[in-house]
Amino acid sequence: MSTSNASSNPEKLSADAVIQLIAEALDIPASKLIESSQATDVPEWDSMGILGILSVLDREGVKCDIGNTEALQSVRGVLGVFQSAGRLA
């Protein structure tokens, strides 16, 4: 039995669930993030934080070009990546 989220019919996530994933990647409480949060607002959202977010995207089966770091500079940008992948509810 596979427990991978990268199945042929992956579940859609709410914006709150995506924010929780971002918070986990940054090792901060989700309460520190809102939809309008940007990397410049959160000290932990540095280059290592972006790598953590990329890791979460990979784990969730969401593809993001590593050169597209602009999309990874804000909560809205990460939500957009999930939306483009058809994973945002």
N, C-alpha and C. Protein backbone atom coordinates (compact mmCIF):
# COMPACT_ATOMS: atom_id res chain seq x y z
N MET A 1 0.84 -1.18 0.00
CA MET A 1 0.00 0.00 0.00
C MET A 1 0.87 1.23 0.00
N SER A 2 0.67 2.12 -0.96
CA SER A 2 1.48 3.33 -1.09
C SER A 2 0.85 4.46 -0.29
N THR A 3 1.70 5.23 0.38
CA THR A 3 1.21 6.40 1.13
C THR A 3 1.69 7.69 0.49
N SER A 4 2.21 7.62 -0.71
CA SER A 4 2.74 8.79 -1.39
C SER A 4 1.62 9.74 -1.77
N ASN A 5 1.86 11.04 -1.59
CA ASN A 5 0.89 12.05 -2.01
C ASN A 5 0.99 12.33 -3.50
N ALA A 6 1.99 11.83 -4.15
CA ALA A 6 2.20 12.09 -5.56
C ALA A 6 1.51 11.04 -6.42
N SER A 7 0.31 10.66 -6.06
CA SER A 7 -0.42 9.65 -6.80
C SER A 7 -1.06 10.27 -8.03
N SER A 8 -1.74 9.44 -8.82
CA SER A 8 -2.36 9.95 -10.04
C SER A 8 -3.55 10.86 -9.74
N ASN A 9 -4.09 10.78 -8.55
CA ASN A 9 -5.21 11.63 -8.17
C ASN A 9 -4.94 12.24 -6.78
N PRO A 10 -3.95 13.15 -6.71
CA PRO A 10 -3.58 13.68 -5.40
C PRO A 10 -4.67 14.57 -4.82
N GLU A 11 -4.73 14.58 -3.49
CA GLU A 11 -5.75 15.38 -2.83
C GLU A 11 -5.47 16.87 -2.99
N LYS A 12 -6.55 17.64 -3.03
CA LYS A 12 -6.42 19.09 -3.09
C LYS A 12 -6.31 19.61 -1.67
N LEU A 13 -5.51 20.64 -1.52
CA LEU A 13 -5.26 21.21 -0.21
C LEU A 13 -5.89 22.59 -0.10
N SER A 14 -6.34 22.92 1.09
CA SER A 14 -6.86 24.27 1.34
C SER A 14 -5.68 25.23 1.46
N ALA A 15 -5.96 26.52 1.36
CA ALA A 15 -4.91 27.53 1.54
C ALA A 15 -4.30 27.39 2.94
N ASP A 16 -5.13 27.11 3.94
CA ASP A 16 -4.61 26.95 5.30
C ASP A 16 -3.66 25.75 5.40
N ALA A 17 -3.96 24.68 4.69
CA ALA A 17 -3.09 23.51 4.70
C ALA A 17 -1.75 23.82 4.04
N VAL A 18 -1.78 24.60 2.97
CA VAL A 18 -0.55 24.99 2.29
C VAL A 18 0.27 25.91 3.20
N ILE A 19 -0.40 26.84 3.89
CA ILE A 19 0.30 27.71 4.83
C ILE A 19 0.96 26.87 5.93
N GLN A 20 0.28 25.84 6.39
CA GLN A 20 0.85 24.94 7.39
C GLN A 20 2.11 24.26 6.85
N LEU A 21 2.08 23.83 5.58
CA LEU A 21 3.25 23.20 4.96
C LEU A 21 4.41 24.18 4.86
N ILE A 22 4.11 25.42 4.49
CA ILE A 22 5.16 26.45 4.42
C ILE A 22 5.77 26.66 5.80
N ALA A 23 4.91 26.76 6.82
CA ALA A 23 5.39 26.97 8.19
C ALA A 23 6.29 25.81 8.63
N GLU A 24 5.90 24.59 8.30
CA GLU A 24 6.72 23.43 8.64
C GLU A 24 8.08 23.52 7.95
N ALA A 25 8.08 23.93 6.68
CA ALA A 25 9.33 24.05 5.93
C ALA A 25 10.24 25.10 6.55
N LEU A 26 9.64 26.15 7.09
CA LEU A 26 10.43 27.23 7.69
C LEU A 26 10.69 27.01 9.17
N ASP A 27 10.10 25.95 9.72
CA ASP A 27 10.23 25.62 11.15
C ASP A 27 9.76 26.77 12.04
N ILE A 28 8.56 27.27 11.69
CA ILE A 28 7.92 28.34 12.46
C ILE A 28 6.46 27.96 12.69
N PRO A 29 5.80 28.59 13.67
CA PRO A 29 4.37 28.33 13.85
C PRO A 29 3.57 28.90 12.66
N ALA A 30 2.56 28.18 12.24
CA ALA A 30 1.72 28.65 11.13
C ALA A 30 1.07 29.98 11.46
N SER A 31 0.90 30.28 12.74
CA SER A 31 0.27 31.54 13.13
C SER A 31 1.12 32.75 12.75
N LYS A 32 2.39 32.55 12.39
CA LYS A 32 3.25 33.65 11.96
C LYS A 32 3.06 34.00 10.49
N LEU A 33 2.25 33.20 9.78
CA LEU A 33 2.05 33.41 8.35
C LEU A 33 0.59 33.72 8.04
N ILE A 34 0.40 34.64 7.12
CA ILE A 34 -0.92 34.90 6.55
C ILE A 34 -0.76 34.92 5.03
N GLU A 35 -1.85 34.96 4.32
CA GLU A 35 -1.79 34.86 2.86
C GLU A 35 -0.94 35.97 2.24
N SER A 36 -0.86 37.12 2.88
CA SER A 36 -0.08 38.23 2.31
C SER A 36 1.38 38.24 2.78
N SER A 37 1.80 37.24 3.56
CA SER A 37 3.18 37.19 4.04
C SER A 37 4.15 37.03 2.88
N GLN A 38 5.28 37.72 3.01
CA GLN A 38 6.35 37.63 2.02
C GLN A 38 7.64 37.23 2.71
N ALA A 39 8.58 36.74 1.93
CA ALA A 39 9.86 36.30 2.49
C ALA A 39 10.52 37.41 3.30
N THR A 40 10.39 38.64 2.86
CA THR A 40 11.01 39.76 3.56
C THR A 40 10.38 40.02 4.93
N ASP A 41 9.18 39.46 5.17
CA ASP A 41 8.49 39.63 6.46
C ASP A 41 8.93 38.59 7.50
N VAL A 42 9.56 37.52 7.05
CA VAL A 42 9.83 36.36 7.91
C VAL A 42 11.33 36.05 7.87
N PRO A 43 12.05 36.31 8.97
CA PRO A 43 13.50 36.09 8.97
C PRO A 43 13.91 34.66 8.58
N GLU A 44 13.10 33.68 8.93
CA GLU A 44 13.41 32.28 8.62
C GLU A 44 13.25 31.96 7.13
N TRP A 45 12.61 32.85 6.38
CA TRP A 45 12.34 32.62 4.96
C TRP A 45 13.53 33.11 4.15
N ASP A 46 14.67 32.47 4.36
CA ASP A 46 15.90 32.80 3.66
C ASP A 46 16.16 31.74 2.59
N SER A 47 17.38 31.67 2.09
CA SER A 47 17.67 30.70 1.03
C SER A 47 17.46 29.26 1.52
N MET A 48 17.79 28.99 2.77
CA MET A 48 17.54 27.65 3.31
C MET A 48 16.04 27.40 3.46
N GLY A 49 15.30 28.42 3.80
CA GLY A 49 13.85 28.31 3.88
C GLY A 49 13.23 27.97 2.53
N ILE A 50 13.76 28.60 1.49
CA ILE A 50 13.27 28.32 0.14
C ILE A 50 13.56 26.87 -0.23
N LEU A 51 14.74 26.37 0.14
CA LEU A 51 15.04 24.95 -0.11
C LEU A 51 14.07 24.06 0.64
N GLY A 52 13.71 24.45 1.86
CA GLY A 52 12.72 23.68 2.62
C GLY A 52 11.37 23.67 1.92
N ILE A 53 10.98 24.82 1.38
CA ILE A 53 9.70 24.91 0.65
C ILE A 53 9.77 24.05 -0.60
N LEU A 54 10.89 24.08 -1.32
CA LEU A 54 11.05 23.22 -2.50
C LEU A 54 10.94 21.75 -2.11
N SER A 55 11.48 21.40 -0.96
CA SER A 55 11.39 20.02 -0.48
C SER A 55 9.94 19.63 -0.21
N VAL A 56 9.18 20.53 0.39
CA VAL A 56 7.75 20.28 0.64
C VAL A 56 7.01 20.11 -0.68
N LEU A 57 7.30 20.98 -1.64
CA LEU A 57 6.65 20.87 -2.95
C LEU A 57 6.94 19.50 -3.56
N ASP A 58 8.19 19.08 -3.50
CA ASP A 58 8.58 17.79 -4.05
C ASP A 58 7.85 16.66 -3.34
N ARG A 59 7.81 16.72 -2.02
CA ARG A 59 7.13 15.69 -1.23
C ARG A 59 5.64 15.61 -1.58
N GLU A 60 5.05 16.75 -1.90
CA GLU A 60 3.63 16.80 -2.26
C GLU A 60 3.38 16.51 -3.74
N GLY A 61 4.45 16.27 -4.49
CA GLY A 61 4.30 15.97 -5.92
C GLY A 61 3.98 17.18 -6.76
N VAL A 62 4.33 18.37 -6.27
CA VAL A 62 4.08 19.62 -6.98
C VAL A 62 5.39 20.07 -7.62
N LYS A 63 5.38 20.22 -8.92
CA LYS A 63 6.60 20.59 -9.64
C LYS A 63 6.77 22.11 -9.65
N CYS A 64 8.00 22.54 -9.38
CA CYS A 64 8.34 23.95 -9.44
C CYS A 64 9.78 24.04 -9.91
N ASP A 65 10.01 24.79 -10.96
CA ASP A 65 11.35 24.98 -11.49
C ASP A 65 12.18 25.72 -10.45
N ILE A 66 13.33 25.17 -10.10
CA ILE A 66 14.18 25.80 -9.08
C ILE A 66 14.59 27.21 -9.50
N GLY A 67 14.56 27.51 -10.79
CA GLY A 67 14.87 28.85 -11.26
C GLY A 67 13.73 29.83 -11.05
N ASN A 68 12.56 29.32 -10.69
CA ASN A 68 11.38 30.17 -10.48
C ASN A 68 11.26 30.53 -9.00
N THR A 69 12.34 31.07 -8.45
CA THR A 69 12.32 31.38 -7.02
C THR A 69 11.42 32.56 -6.70
N GLU A 70 11.06 33.36 -7.68
CA GLU A 70 10.16 34.48 -7.42
C GLU A 70 8.82 33.99 -6.88
N ALA A 71 8.34 32.85 -7.38
CA ALA A 71 7.08 32.28 -6.90
C ALA A 71 7.20 31.78 -5.47
N LEU A 72 8.43 31.59 -5.01
CA LEU A 72 8.64 31.06 -3.66
C LEU A 72 8.98 32.16 -2.66
N GLN A 73 8.71 33.41 -3.03
CA GLN A 73 9.03 34.55 -2.18
C GLN A 73 7.85 35.06 -1.37
N SER A 74 6.70 34.39 -1.52
CA SER A 74 5.51 34.82 -0.78
C SER A 74 4.55 33.65 -0.61
N VAL A 75 3.69 33.78 0.37
CA VAL A 75 2.65 32.76 0.56
C VAL A 75 1.78 32.70 -0.69
N ARG A 76 1.39 33.86 -1.22
CA ARG A 76 0.55 33.86 -2.43
C ARG A 76 1.25 33.18 -3.60
N GLY A 77 2.56 33.38 -3.71
CA GLY A 77 3.31 32.73 -4.78
C GLY A 77 3.30 31.22 -4.65
N VAL A 78 3.49 30.72 -3.43
CA VAL A 78 3.47 29.27 -3.20
C VAL A 78 2.06 28.74 -3.44
N LEU A 79 1.06 29.49 -3.01
CA LEU A 79 -0.33 29.07 -3.30
C LEU A 79 -0.55 28.99 -4.80
N GLY A 80 0.05 29.92 -5.55
CA GLY A 80 -0.07 29.92 -7.01
C GLY A 80 0.57 28.68 -7.62
N VAL A 81 1.68 28.24 -7.06
CA VAL A 81 2.34 27.03 -7.54
C VAL A 81 1.41 25.82 -7.33
N PHE A 82 0.79 25.74 -6.13
CA PHE A 82 -0.16 24.65 -5.87
C PHE A 82 -1.37 24.76 -6.80
N GLN A 83 -1.83 25.98 -7.05
CA GLN A 83 -2.98 26.19 -7.94
C GLN A 83 -2.64 25.72 -9.35
N SER A 84 -1.46 26.11 -9.85
CA SER A 84 -1.05 25.72 -11.21
C SER A 84 -0.95 24.21 -11.34
N ALA A 85 -0.60 23.54 -10.25
CA ALA A 85 -0.49 22.09 -10.27
C ALA A 85 -1.85 21.40 -10.06
N GLY A 86 -2.90 22.20 -9.90
CA GLY A 86 -4.23 21.63 -9.68
C GLY A 86 -4.40 21.05 -8.29
N ARG A 87 -3.61 21.51 -7.34
CA ARG A 87 -3.64 20.93 -5.99
C ARG A 87 -4.28 21.86 -4.95
N LEU A 88 -4.73 23.05 -5.36
CA LEU A 88 -5.34 23.96 -4.40
C LEU A 88 -6.85 23.83 -4.47
N ALA A 89 -7.45 23.62 -3.31
CA ALA A 89 -8.91 23.45 -3.24
C ALA A 89 -9.61 24.79 -3.38
